N, C-alpha and C. Protein backbone atom coordinates (compact mmCIF):
# COMPACT_ATOMS: atom_id res chain seq x y z
N UNK A 1 98.89 -14.12 67.23
CA UNK A 1 98.44 -15.48 66.98
C UNK A 1 97.44 -15.49 65.83
N UNK A 2 97.57 -16.48 64.96
CA UNK A 2 96.71 -16.55 63.79
C UNK A 2 96.37 -18.01 63.53
N UNK A 3 95.09 -18.36 63.68
CA UNK A 3 94.63 -19.72 63.48
C UNK A 3 93.58 -19.69 62.38
N UNK A 4 93.78 -20.46 61.34
CA UNK A 4 92.88 -20.41 60.19
C UNK A 4 92.39 -21.80 59.84
N UNK A 5 91.15 -21.87 59.38
CA UNK A 5 90.61 -23.16 58.94
C UNK A 5 89.66 -22.95 57.77
N UNK A 6 89.59 -23.98 56.94
CA UNK A 6 88.75 -23.94 55.74
C UNK A 6 88.12 -25.31 55.58
N UNK A 7 86.81 -25.38 55.71
CA UNK A 7 86.09 -26.65 55.65
C UNK A 7 84.89 -26.48 54.72
N UNK A 8 85.12 -26.57 53.42
CA UNK A 8 84.05 -26.28 52.46
C UNK A 8 82.84 -27.20 52.56
N UNK A 9 83.05 -28.46 52.96
CA UNK A 9 81.91 -29.38 53.06
C UNK A 9 80.95 -28.97 54.17
N UNK A 10 81.49 -28.41 55.25
CA UNK A 10 80.66 -28.02 56.39
C UNK A 10 80.21 -26.57 56.33
N UNK A 11 81.09 -25.68 55.89
CA UNK A 11 80.82 -24.24 55.99
C UNK A 11 80.70 -23.54 54.64
N UNK A 12 81.01 -24.24 53.56
CA UNK A 12 81.03 -23.56 52.27
C UNK A 12 82.36 -22.85 52.08
N UNK A 13 82.36 -21.89 51.19
CA UNK A 13 83.60 -21.19 50.81
C UNK A 13 83.92 -20.08 51.81
N UNK A 14 84.18 -20.48 53.05
CA UNK A 14 84.44 -19.51 54.13
C UNK A 14 85.76 -19.86 54.80
N UNK A 15 86.66 -18.88 54.88
CA UNK A 15 87.89 -19.03 55.63
C UNK A 15 87.68 -18.41 57.00
N UNK A 16 87.83 -19.22 58.03
CA UNK A 16 87.69 -18.76 59.41
C UNK A 16 89.08 -18.43 59.96
N UNK A 17 89.26 -17.22 60.42
CA UNK A 17 90.53 -16.78 60.97
C UNK A 17 90.31 -16.33 62.40
N UNK A 18 91.04 -16.94 63.33
CA UNK A 18 90.88 -16.66 64.76
C UNK A 18 92.17 -16.04 65.28
N UNK A 19 92.05 -14.95 66.03
CA UNK A 19 93.22 -14.27 66.57
C UNK A 19 93.27 -14.28 68.09
N UNK A 20 92.17 -14.66 68.75
CA UNK A 20 92.10 -14.67 70.21
C UNK A 20 90.96 -15.58 70.65
N UNK A 21 90.98 -16.04 71.90
CA UNK A 21 89.88 -16.89 72.37
C UNK A 21 88.54 -16.17 72.35
N UNK A 22 87.46 -16.94 72.29
CA UNK A 22 86.12 -16.38 72.33
C UNK A 22 85.92 -15.54 73.59
N UNK A 23 85.16 -14.47 73.46
CA UNK A 23 84.77 -13.65 74.60
C UNK A 23 83.29 -13.90 74.88
N UNK A 24 82.89 -13.66 76.12
CA UNK A 24 81.49 -13.92 76.49
C UNK A 24 80.54 -13.05 75.69
N UNK A 25 80.90 -11.80 75.53
CA UNK A 25 80.09 -10.86 74.74
C UNK A 25 80.88 -10.44 73.51
N UNK A 26 80.28 -10.64 72.34
CA UNK A 26 80.97 -10.35 71.09
C UNK A 26 80.14 -9.44 70.21
N UNK A 27 80.85 -8.70 69.37
CA UNK A 27 80.21 -7.86 68.36
C UNK A 27 80.64 -8.34 66.98
N UNK A 28 79.71 -8.32 66.03
CA UNK A 28 80.02 -8.74 64.67
C UNK A 28 79.63 -7.64 63.69
N UNK A 29 80.57 -7.30 62.82
CA UNK A 29 80.31 -6.33 61.75
C UNK A 29 80.58 -7.01 60.42
N UNK A 30 79.68 -6.83 59.47
CA UNK A 30 79.82 -7.47 58.16
C UNK A 30 79.88 -6.41 57.07
N UNK A 31 80.88 -6.54 56.20
CA UNK A 31 81.01 -5.63 55.07
C UNK A 31 81.75 -6.34 53.95
N UNK A 32 81.23 -6.26 52.75
CA UNK A 32 81.91 -6.75 51.55
C UNK A 32 82.42 -8.19 51.73
N UNK A 33 81.53 -9.09 52.16
CA UNK A 33 81.84 -10.51 52.31
C UNK A 33 82.87 -10.80 53.40
N UNK A 34 83.00 -9.90 54.36
CA UNK A 34 83.88 -10.13 55.50
C UNK A 34 83.11 -9.87 56.78
N UNK A 35 83.19 -10.80 57.74
CA UNK A 35 82.60 -10.60 59.06
C UNK A 35 83.73 -10.44 60.07
N UNK A 36 83.70 -9.32 60.77
CA UNK A 36 84.69 -9.05 61.82
C UNK A 36 84.07 -9.35 63.17
N UNK A 37 84.78 -10.12 63.99
CA UNK A 37 84.29 -10.45 65.33
C UNK A 37 85.22 -9.82 66.35
N UNK A 38 84.66 -9.02 67.24
CA UNK A 38 85.44 -8.36 68.28
C UNK A 38 84.78 -8.60 69.64
N UNK A 39 85.56 -8.38 70.70
CA UNK A 39 85.01 -8.43 72.04
C UNK A 39 84.27 -7.13 72.31
N UNK A 40 83.56 -7.07 73.43
CA UNK A 40 82.83 -5.85 73.76
C UNK A 40 83.78 -4.69 74.02
N UNK A 41 85.06 -5.00 74.28
CA UNK A 41 86.07 -3.95 74.47
C UNK A 41 86.72 -3.52 73.16
N UNK A 42 86.32 -4.15 72.07
CA UNK A 42 86.87 -3.79 70.77
C UNK A 42 88.09 -4.58 70.35
N UNK A 43 88.49 -5.57 71.17
CA UNK A 43 89.65 -6.39 70.79
C UNK A 43 89.27 -7.36 69.68
N UNK A 44 90.13 -7.52 68.71
CA UNK A 44 89.86 -8.40 67.59
C UNK A 44 89.91 -9.86 68.01
N UNK A 45 88.86 -10.60 67.69
CA UNK A 45 88.81 -12.04 67.95
C UNK A 45 89.01 -12.85 66.67
N UNK A 46 88.66 -12.25 65.53
CA UNK A 46 88.87 -12.96 64.28
C UNK A 46 88.01 -12.42 63.15
N UNK A 47 88.13 -13.07 62.00
CA UNK A 47 87.36 -12.72 60.81
C UNK A 47 86.83 -13.99 60.15
N UNK A 48 85.70 -13.85 59.47
CA UNK A 48 85.23 -14.87 58.53
C UNK A 48 85.24 -14.24 57.14
N UNK A 49 85.97 -14.87 56.24
CA UNK A 49 86.04 -14.38 54.87
C UNK A 49 85.13 -15.24 54.00
N UNK A 50 84.01 -14.66 53.57
CA UNK A 50 83.12 -15.37 52.66
C UNK A 50 83.68 -15.32 51.23
N UNK A 51 83.32 -16.33 50.43
CA UNK A 51 83.87 -16.43 49.06
C UNK A 51 85.39 -16.32 49.10
N UNK A 52 85.97 -17.05 50.06
CA UNK A 52 87.40 -16.92 50.33
C UNK A 52 88.27 -17.34 49.16
N UNK A 53 87.80 -18.29 48.36
CA UNK A 53 88.63 -18.76 47.26
C UNK A 53 88.82 -17.70 46.17
N UNK A 54 88.01 -16.66 46.20
CA UNK A 54 88.23 -15.55 45.27
C UNK A 54 89.45 -14.74 45.68
N UNK A 55 89.75 -14.74 46.98
CA UNK A 55 90.93 -14.04 47.49
C UNK A 55 92.15 -14.95 47.40
N UNK A 56 91.96 -16.20 47.83
CA UNK A 56 93.05 -17.19 47.84
C UNK A 56 92.58 -18.43 47.08
N UNK A 57 92.73 -18.47 45.77
CA UNK A 57 92.24 -19.61 44.97
C UNK A 57 92.81 -20.95 45.42
N UNK A 58 93.99 -20.94 46.01
CA UNK A 58 94.62 -22.18 46.43
C UNK A 58 93.88 -22.87 47.57
N UNK A 59 92.94 -22.18 48.20
CA UNK A 59 92.18 -22.78 49.29
C UNK A 59 91.35 -23.98 48.84
N UNK A 60 91.05 -24.06 47.56
CA UNK A 60 90.19 -25.14 47.08
C UNK A 60 90.82 -26.52 47.27
N UNK A 61 92.12 -26.56 47.53
CA UNK A 61 92.79 -27.84 47.78
C UNK A 61 92.95 -28.10 49.28
N UNK A 62 92.39 -27.23 50.11
CA UNK A 62 92.55 -27.36 51.56
C UNK A 62 91.29 -27.93 52.21
N UNK A 63 91.49 -28.54 53.36
CA UNK A 63 90.36 -29.00 54.17
C UNK A 63 90.87 -29.17 55.61
N UNK A 64 90.46 -28.26 56.46
CA UNK A 64 90.93 -28.28 57.85
C UNK A 64 91.76 -27.05 58.15
N UNK A 65 92.74 -27.22 59.06
CA UNK A 65 93.57 -26.07 59.41
C UNK A 65 94.41 -25.65 58.23
N UNK A 66 94.53 -24.33 58.06
CA UNK A 66 95.30 -23.75 56.96
C UNK A 66 96.41 -22.91 57.57
N UNK A 67 97.63 -23.12 57.10
CA UNK A 67 98.77 -22.33 57.59
C UNK A 67 99.08 -21.26 56.55
N UNK A 68 98.72 -20.04 56.88
CA UNK A 68 98.83 -18.93 55.93
C UNK A 68 100.23 -18.34 55.96
N UNK A 69 100.80 -18.14 54.77
CA UNK A 69 102.11 -17.50 54.69
C UNK A 69 101.95 -15.98 54.62
N UNK A 70 103.03 -15.22 54.76
CA UNK A 70 102.91 -13.76 54.76
C UNK A 70 102.25 -13.18 53.51
N UNK A 71 102.50 -13.78 52.35
CA UNK A 71 101.88 -13.28 51.12
C UNK A 71 100.37 -13.46 51.17
N UNK A 72 99.91 -14.59 51.66
CA UNK A 72 98.47 -14.83 51.78
C UNK A 72 97.84 -13.89 52.80
N UNK A 73 98.53 -13.67 53.90
CA UNK A 73 98.00 -12.75 54.92
C UNK A 73 97.89 -11.34 54.36
N UNK A 74 98.85 -10.95 53.57
CA UNK A 74 98.80 -9.61 52.98
C UNK A 74 97.60 -9.48 52.04
N UNK A 75 97.27 -10.54 51.30
CA UNK A 75 96.09 -10.50 50.43
C UNK A 75 94.81 -10.36 51.26
N UNK A 76 94.76 -11.04 52.40
CA UNK A 76 93.60 -10.90 53.28
C UNK A 76 93.52 -9.48 53.85
N UNK A 77 94.67 -8.92 54.21
CA UNK A 77 94.67 -7.55 54.72
C UNK A 77 94.23 -6.55 53.66
N UNK A 78 94.58 -6.81 52.42
CA UNK A 78 94.11 -5.93 51.34
C UNK A 78 92.59 -5.98 51.25
N UNK A 79 92.04 -7.19 51.40
CA UNK A 79 90.58 -7.33 51.40
C UNK A 79 89.96 -6.58 52.58
N UNK A 80 90.61 -6.65 53.73
CA UNK A 80 90.09 -5.94 54.91
C UNK A 80 90.08 -4.43 54.68
N UNK A 81 91.14 -3.91 54.08
CA UNK A 81 91.19 -2.48 53.77
C UNK A 81 90.06 -2.09 52.82
N UNK A 82 89.85 -2.91 51.80
CA UNK A 82 88.79 -2.62 50.82
C UNK A 82 87.41 -2.66 51.47
N UNK A 83 87.26 -3.50 52.50
CA UNK A 83 85.97 -3.60 53.19
C UNK A 83 85.78 -2.54 54.26
N UNK A 84 86.83 -1.76 54.51
CA UNK A 84 86.72 -0.65 55.47
C UNK A 84 87.11 -0.99 56.89
N UNK A 85 87.74 -2.14 57.09
CA UNK A 85 88.17 -2.52 58.43
C UNK A 85 89.58 -1.99 58.71
N UNK A 86 89.86 -1.70 59.98
CA UNK A 86 91.17 -1.15 60.32
C UNK A 86 91.96 -2.01 61.31
N UNK A 87 91.49 -3.23 61.56
CA UNK A 87 92.25 -4.17 62.38
C UNK A 87 92.77 -5.26 61.46
N UNK A 88 94.09 -5.37 61.38
CA UNK A 88 94.69 -6.23 60.38
C UNK A 88 95.35 -7.47 61.00
N UNK A 89 95.69 -8.40 60.12
CA UNK A 89 96.23 -9.68 60.54
C UNK A 89 97.75 -9.69 60.41
N UNK A 90 98.39 -10.48 61.26
CA UNK A 90 99.83 -10.66 61.22
C UNK A 90 100.14 -12.14 61.04
N UNK A 91 100.98 -12.44 60.09
CA UNK A 91 101.32 -13.85 59.82
C UNK A 91 101.99 -14.47 61.04
N UNK A 92 101.68 -15.73 61.27
CA UNK A 92 102.26 -16.49 62.38
C UNK A 92 102.79 -17.81 61.81
N UNK A 93 104.11 -17.87 61.63
CA UNK A 93 104.71 -19.05 61.00
C UNK A 93 105.42 -19.95 62.01
N UNK A 94 105.28 -19.68 63.30
CA UNK A 94 105.89 -20.56 64.29
C UNK A 94 105.16 -21.89 64.32
N UNK A 95 105.89 -23.00 64.36
CA UNK A 95 105.21 -24.31 64.43
C UNK A 95 104.43 -24.43 65.72
N UNK A 96 103.25 -25.05 65.63
CA UNK A 96 102.38 -25.19 66.81
C UNK A 96 102.47 -26.57 67.44
N UNK A 97 102.99 -27.54 66.71
CA UNK A 97 103.24 -28.86 67.28
C UNK A 97 104.75 -29.09 67.24
N UNK A 98 105.37 -29.12 68.41
CA UNK A 98 106.82 -29.23 68.47
C UNK A 98 107.21 -30.40 69.37
N UNK A 99 108.45 -30.84 69.20
CA UNK A 99 108.99 -31.89 70.05
C UNK A 99 109.41 -31.27 71.38
N UNK A 100 108.89 -31.83 72.46
CA UNK A 100 109.24 -31.37 73.79
C UNK A 100 109.93 -32.46 74.60
N UNK A 101 110.60 -32.03 75.67
CA UNK A 101 111.29 -32.97 76.55
C UNK A 101 110.85 -32.70 77.98
N UNK A 102 110.25 -33.69 78.61
CA UNK A 102 109.74 -33.52 79.97
C UNK A 102 110.92 -33.58 80.94
N UNK A 103 111.23 -32.43 81.52
CA UNK A 103 112.39 -32.34 82.41
C UNK A 103 112.05 -32.67 83.86
N UNK A 104 110.87 -32.26 84.31
CA UNK A 104 110.52 -32.41 85.72
C UNK A 104 109.02 -32.58 85.87
N UNK A 105 108.62 -33.40 86.85
CA UNK A 105 107.21 -33.62 87.14
C UNK A 105 106.98 -33.45 88.63
N UNK A 106 105.91 -32.74 88.97
CA UNK A 106 105.48 -32.63 90.37
C UNK A 106 104.00 -32.93 90.44
N UNK A 107 103.53 -33.28 91.63
CA UNK A 107 102.11 -33.56 91.81
C UNK A 107 101.29 -32.27 91.73
N UNK A 108 100.12 -32.40 91.16
CA UNK A 108 99.18 -31.27 91.14
C UNK A 108 98.63 -31.10 92.55
N UNK A 109 98.59 -29.85 93.05
CA UNK A 109 98.17 -29.65 94.44
C UNK A 109 96.69 -29.95 94.70
N UNK A 110 95.87 -30.01 93.64
CA UNK A 110 94.44 -30.20 93.84
C UNK A 110 93.89 -31.42 93.11
N UNK A 111 94.76 -32.28 92.63
CA UNK A 111 94.28 -33.43 91.86
C UNK A 111 95.15 -34.65 92.14
N UNK A 112 94.51 -35.81 92.19
CA UNK A 112 95.23 -37.06 92.40
C UNK A 112 95.83 -37.61 91.11
N UNK A 113 95.26 -37.24 89.97
CA UNK A 113 95.72 -37.84 88.73
C UNK A 113 96.48 -36.88 87.82
N UNK A 114 96.35 -35.58 88.05
CA UNK A 114 97.07 -34.61 87.21
C UNK A 114 98.50 -34.41 87.71
N UNK A 115 99.40 -34.18 86.77
CA UNK A 115 100.79 -33.88 87.09
C UNK A 115 101.16 -32.53 86.47
N UNK A 116 102.06 -31.83 87.12
CA UNK A 116 102.55 -30.55 86.62
C UNK A 116 103.94 -30.79 86.05
N UNK A 117 104.08 -30.58 84.74
CA UNK A 117 105.37 -30.85 84.09
C UNK A 117 106.09 -29.54 83.75
N UNK A 118 107.39 -29.61 83.79
CA UNK A 118 108.25 -28.58 83.21
C UNK A 118 108.83 -29.21 81.94
N UNK A 119 108.39 -28.70 80.80
CA UNK A 119 108.71 -29.32 79.53
C UNK A 119 109.50 -28.36 78.64
N UNK A 120 110.68 -28.79 78.24
CA UNK A 120 111.53 -27.95 77.39
C UNK A 120 111.07 -28.07 75.94
N UNK A 121 110.82 -26.92 75.31
CA UNK A 121 110.34 -26.92 73.93
C UNK A 121 111.34 -26.23 72.98
N UNK A 122 112.45 -25.78 73.52
CA UNK A 122 113.54 -25.19 72.73
C UNK A 122 114.77 -25.18 73.62
N UNK A 123 115.91 -24.90 73.01
CA UNK A 123 117.15 -24.92 73.79
C UNK A 123 117.10 -23.97 74.97
N UNK A 124 116.38 -22.87 74.80
CA UNK A 124 116.35 -21.85 75.84
C UNK A 124 114.95 -21.58 76.38
N UNK A 125 114.03 -22.54 76.22
CA UNK A 125 112.66 -22.28 76.68
C UNK A 125 112.04 -23.54 77.27
N UNK A 126 111.58 -23.40 78.51
CA UNK A 126 110.84 -24.45 79.20
C UNK A 126 109.50 -23.90 79.64
N UNK A 127 108.44 -24.66 79.44
CA UNK A 127 107.10 -24.20 79.79
C UNK A 127 106.46 -25.17 80.78
N UNK A 128 105.49 -24.66 81.51
CA UNK A 128 104.74 -25.50 82.44
C UNK A 128 103.46 -25.99 81.79
N UNK A 129 103.27 -27.30 81.80
CA UNK A 129 102.08 -27.90 81.20
C UNK A 129 101.52 -28.94 82.15
N UNK A 130 100.25 -28.83 82.44
CA UNK A 130 99.57 -29.81 83.29
C UNK A 130 99.12 -30.97 82.41
N UNK A 131 99.33 -32.19 82.90
CA UNK A 131 99.05 -33.38 82.09
C UNK A 131 98.42 -34.46 82.96
N UNK A 132 97.44 -35.15 82.40
CA UNK A 132 96.79 -36.25 83.11
C UNK A 132 97.03 -37.60 82.49
N UNK A 133 97.97 -37.69 81.57
CA UNK A 133 98.22 -38.96 80.90
C UNK A 133 98.86 -39.98 81.85
N UNK A 134 98.45 -41.25 81.76
CA UNK A 134 99.00 -42.26 82.67
C UNK A 134 100.47 -42.57 82.44
N UNK A 135 101.00 -42.26 81.25
CA UNK A 135 102.41 -42.60 80.99
C UNK A 135 103.32 -41.39 80.94
N UNK A 136 102.87 -40.25 81.47
CA UNK A 136 103.76 -39.10 81.54
C UNK A 136 104.89 -39.41 82.52
N UNK A 137 106.12 -39.04 82.14
CA UNK A 137 107.28 -39.36 82.97
C UNK A 137 108.40 -38.37 82.64
N UNK A 138 109.33 -38.25 83.56
CA UNK A 138 110.50 -37.42 83.30
C UNK A 138 111.40 -38.13 82.30
N UNK A 139 112.05 -37.32 81.46
CA UNK A 139 113.03 -37.87 80.54
C UNK A 139 112.50 -38.42 79.25
N UNK A 140 111.28 -38.04 78.84
CA UNK A 140 110.73 -38.53 77.58
C UNK A 140 110.52 -37.37 76.61
N UNK A 141 110.59 -37.70 75.32
CA UNK A 141 110.25 -36.74 74.27
C UNK A 141 108.79 -36.93 73.89
N UNK A 142 108.08 -35.82 73.77
CA UNK A 142 106.64 -35.89 73.51
C UNK A 142 106.25 -34.82 72.49
N UNK A 143 105.03 -34.95 71.98
CA UNK A 143 104.46 -33.91 71.13
C UNK A 143 103.82 -32.85 72.02
N UNK A 144 104.25 -31.62 71.83
CA UNK A 144 103.67 -30.49 72.58
C UNK A 144 102.84 -29.65 71.62
N UNK A 145 101.57 -29.51 71.94
CA UNK A 145 100.71 -28.58 71.19
C UNK A 145 100.83 -27.21 71.86
N UNK A 146 101.38 -26.27 71.17
CA UNK A 146 101.58 -24.93 71.71
C UNK A 146 100.30 -24.12 71.59
N UNK A 147 100.15 -23.06 72.36
CA UNK A 147 98.98 -22.19 72.18
C UNK A 147 98.88 -21.74 70.73
N UNK A 148 97.68 -21.88 70.19
CA UNK A 148 97.46 -21.60 68.78
C UNK A 148 97.37 -22.84 67.93
N UNK A 149 97.66 -24.01 68.51
CA UNK A 149 97.53 -25.26 67.77
C UNK A 149 96.06 -25.64 67.63
N UNK A 150 95.72 -26.21 66.50
CA UNK A 150 94.38 -26.75 66.29
C UNK A 150 94.49 -28.27 66.21
N UNK A 151 93.80 -28.95 67.13
CA UNK A 151 93.83 -30.41 67.15
C UNK A 151 93.00 -30.96 65.99
N UNK A 152 93.22 -32.24 65.63
CA UNK A 152 92.46 -32.83 64.53
C UNK A 152 90.94 -32.74 64.70
N UNK A 153 90.46 -32.70 65.94
CA UNK A 153 89.01 -32.60 66.15
C UNK A 153 88.51 -31.17 66.14
N UNK A 154 89.40 -30.20 65.86
CA UNK A 154 89.01 -28.80 65.79
C UNK A 154 89.24 -28.02 67.06
N UNK A 155 89.58 -28.69 68.15
CA UNK A 155 89.84 -28.00 69.41
C UNK A 155 91.09 -27.14 69.28
N UNK A 156 91.01 -25.91 69.80
CA UNK A 156 92.15 -25.01 69.76
C UNK A 156 92.79 -24.94 71.14
N UNK A 157 94.10 -24.99 71.17
CA UNK A 157 94.84 -24.93 72.42
C UNK A 157 95.16 -23.48 72.76
N UNK A 158 94.74 -23.08 73.97
CA UNK A 158 95.02 -21.73 74.47
C UNK A 158 95.77 -21.84 75.80
N UNK A 159 96.52 -20.81 76.18
CA UNK A 159 97.08 -20.80 77.53
C UNK A 159 95.92 -20.78 78.53
N UNK A 160 96.08 -21.45 79.64
CA UNK A 160 94.99 -21.45 80.61
C UNK A 160 95.41 -22.08 81.92
N UNK A 161 94.44 -22.59 82.64
CA UNK A 161 94.69 -23.25 83.91
C UNK A 161 93.90 -24.55 83.97
N UNK A 162 94.47 -25.53 84.66
CA UNK A 162 93.75 -26.77 84.97
C UNK A 162 93.69 -26.89 86.48
N UNK A 163 92.49 -26.74 87.01
CA UNK A 163 92.26 -26.78 88.45
C UNK A 163 93.18 -25.81 89.19
N UNK A 164 93.28 -24.60 88.64
CA UNK A 164 94.00 -23.53 89.32
C UNK A 164 95.48 -23.46 89.05
N UNK A 165 96.02 -24.34 88.23
CA UNK A 165 97.45 -24.33 87.93
C UNK A 165 97.66 -23.94 86.47
N UNK A 166 98.55 -22.97 86.23
CA UNK A 166 98.82 -22.50 84.88
C UNK A 166 99.32 -23.63 84.00
N UNK A 167 98.84 -23.64 82.75
CA UNK A 167 99.24 -24.65 81.79
C UNK A 167 99.38 -24.00 80.42
N UNK A 168 100.59 -24.04 79.86
CA UNK A 168 100.90 -23.31 78.63
C UNK A 168 101.04 -24.27 77.46
N UNK A 169 99.94 -24.96 77.14
CA UNK A 169 99.97 -25.90 76.03
C UNK A 169 99.41 -27.25 76.45
N UNK A 170 99.73 -28.27 75.68
CA UNK A 170 99.19 -29.61 75.93
C UNK A 170 100.20 -30.67 75.48
N UNK A 171 100.41 -31.68 76.33
CA UNK A 171 101.17 -32.85 75.92
C UNK A 171 100.20 -33.82 75.27
N UNK A 172 100.52 -34.29 74.07
CA UNK A 172 99.53 -34.96 73.24
C UNK A 172 99.71 -36.47 73.19
N UNK A 173 98.60 -37.16 73.16
CA UNK A 173 98.57 -38.60 72.97
C UNK A 173 98.34 -38.94 71.52
N UNK A 174 98.65 -40.20 71.16
CA UNK A 174 98.45 -40.61 69.77
C UNK A 174 96.98 -40.62 69.38
N UNK A 175 96.09 -40.83 70.37
CA UNK A 175 94.66 -40.84 70.07
C UNK A 175 94.18 -39.44 69.71
N UNK A 176 94.63 -38.42 70.48
CA UNK A 176 94.22 -37.04 70.18
C UNK A 176 94.79 -36.58 68.85
N UNK A 177 96.00 -37.06 68.53
CA UNK A 177 96.65 -36.65 67.29
C UNK A 177 96.20 -37.45 66.08
N UNK A 178 95.43 -38.52 66.35
CA UNK A 178 94.95 -39.42 65.30
C UNK A 178 96.10 -39.99 64.48
N UNK A 179 97.13 -40.45 65.22
CA UNK A 179 98.25 -41.10 64.56
C UNK A 179 97.76 -42.38 63.88
N UNK A 180 98.19 -42.59 62.67
CA UNK A 180 97.73 -43.73 61.87
C UNK A 180 98.00 -45.05 62.58
N UNK A 181 96.97 -45.92 62.62
CA UNK A 181 97.04 -47.27 63.20
C UNK A 181 97.26 -47.28 64.71
N UNK A 182 97.18 -46.14 65.38
CA UNK A 182 97.42 -46.10 66.82
C UNK A 182 96.27 -46.76 67.57
N UNK A 183 96.56 -47.40 68.71
CA UNK A 183 95.49 -48.03 69.49
C UNK A 183 94.58 -46.98 70.10
N UNK A 184 93.33 -47.33 70.28
CA UNK A 184 92.34 -46.40 70.85
C UNK A 184 92.40 -46.49 72.38
N UNK A 185 93.45 -45.94 72.94
CA UNK A 185 93.63 -45.96 74.38
C UNK A 185 94.38 -44.71 74.81
N UNK A 186 94.32 -44.43 76.11
CA UNK A 186 94.98 -43.24 76.64
C UNK A 186 96.49 -43.43 76.63
N UNK A 187 97.20 -42.34 76.52
CA UNK A 187 98.66 -42.40 76.60
C UNK A 187 99.32 -41.38 75.69
N UNK A 188 100.40 -40.79 76.17
CA UNK A 188 101.16 -39.85 75.35
C UNK A 188 101.85 -40.58 74.21
N UNK A 189 102.04 -39.87 73.11
CA UNK A 189 102.87 -40.38 72.03
C UNK A 189 104.31 -40.05 72.38
N UNK A 190 105.06 -41.05 72.81
CA UNK A 190 106.46 -40.84 73.20
C UNK A 190 107.33 -40.97 71.95
N UNK A 191 108.03 -39.91 71.63
CA UNK A 191 108.82 -39.85 70.41
C UNK A 191 110.16 -40.55 70.63
N UNK A 192 110.53 -41.50 69.77
CA UNK A 192 111.85 -42.13 69.90
C UNK A 192 112.96 -41.08 69.91
N UNK A 193 113.92 -41.26 70.79
CA UNK A 193 114.93 -40.23 71.02
C UNK A 193 115.68 -39.84 69.75
N UNK A 194 115.92 -40.82 68.86
CA UNK A 194 116.73 -40.54 67.68
C UNK A 194 115.91 -39.93 66.54
N UNK A 195 114.60 -39.86 66.67
CA UNK A 195 113.77 -39.39 65.56
C UNK A 195 113.90 -37.89 65.29
N UNK A 196 113.76 -37.11 66.35
CA UNK A 196 113.77 -35.66 66.17
C UNK A 196 114.37 -34.98 67.38
N UNK A 197 114.82 -33.73 67.17
CA UNK A 197 115.42 -32.96 68.25
C UNK A 197 114.35 -32.08 68.92
N UNK A 198 114.59 -31.78 70.17
CA UNK A 198 113.69 -30.91 70.92
C UNK A 198 113.57 -29.55 70.23
N UNK A 199 112.34 -29.07 70.10
CA UNK A 199 112.08 -27.78 69.48
C UNK A 199 111.73 -27.85 68.01
N UNK A 200 111.99 -28.99 67.37
CA UNK A 200 111.65 -29.14 65.96
C UNK A 200 110.14 -29.30 65.78
N UNK A 201 109.64 -28.85 64.64
CA UNK A 201 108.24 -29.11 64.30
C UNK A 201 108.05 -30.62 64.15
N UNK A 202 106.96 -31.13 64.69
CA UNK A 202 106.73 -32.57 64.66
C UNK A 202 106.54 -33.05 63.22
N UNK A 203 107.22 -34.11 62.88
CA UNK A 203 107.11 -34.73 61.56
C UNK A 203 105.97 -35.76 61.62
N UNK A 204 104.76 -35.34 61.27
CA UNK A 204 103.61 -36.23 61.38
C UNK A 204 103.64 -37.34 60.34
N UNK A 205 104.27 -37.10 59.21
CA UNK A 205 104.40 -38.17 58.22
C UNK A 205 105.23 -39.32 58.80
N UNK A 206 106.25 -38.98 59.53
CA UNK A 206 107.07 -39.99 60.19
C UNK A 206 106.29 -40.65 61.32
N UNK A 207 105.53 -39.84 62.06
CA UNK A 207 104.74 -40.38 63.17
C UNK A 207 103.75 -41.42 62.68
N UNK A 208 103.23 -41.23 61.48
CA UNK A 208 102.25 -42.17 60.94
C UNK A 208 102.85 -43.53 60.58
N UNK A 209 104.17 -43.64 60.67
CA UNK A 209 104.82 -44.93 60.42
C UNK A 209 105.14 -45.66 61.72
N UNK A 210 104.81 -45.05 62.86
CA UNK A 210 105.20 -45.60 64.15
C UNK A 210 104.48 -46.91 64.46
N UNK A 211 103.19 -46.95 64.18
CA UNK A 211 102.41 -48.16 64.44
C UNK A 211 102.23 -48.94 63.14
N UNK A 212 102.56 -50.21 63.13
CA UNK A 212 102.47 -51.00 61.88
C UNK A 212 101.03 -51.22 61.46
N UNK A 213 100.86 -51.50 60.18
CA UNK A 213 99.53 -51.84 59.66
C UNK A 213 99.03 -53.09 60.34
N UNK A 214 97.73 -53.10 60.63
CA UNK A 214 97.15 -54.28 61.28
C UNK A 214 96.68 -55.29 60.23
């Protein structure tokens, strides 16, 4: 998993690369404008690349989540080698926001408002996702944020549990996705059936045309 972000207004010329969720106890090593963050067990959690635009000049046109291609990742790995680090990055080009289809819903055993969905995200893959949206229902197409997705507010989606039930992603509402002109209210963004096929990367440019200008 590889999650990258670049926010020069807030952080300066720093590329933040995350490979795993935060650990309670972390170690940081800094060398040659690179900070390596690991867990106390030595597992890699991520890197901060200072003066990142010297490595990837194209970053100057970015703001927010950055999707790094294999060539860019290789340039970062070259920098890591030069700095003396031996834990390297692997490109991750799988889409993190995909069209899903809610196949089945059951009640959450410990909650009155949460539902446990079985949501198909590819022809041969169905995942369990816990959802509290008031309009979740069987037979709808929705936006699924897969583990490794970064929401517009910076929140990262990880596999986890909601009140003791495994949840492998998130079913997204138009408010969380900041769909253009969307009402400020709770509810999943239900994708029109003819717009996209299950498993495809979500077309956010198309989604921004869903709600008319006010």
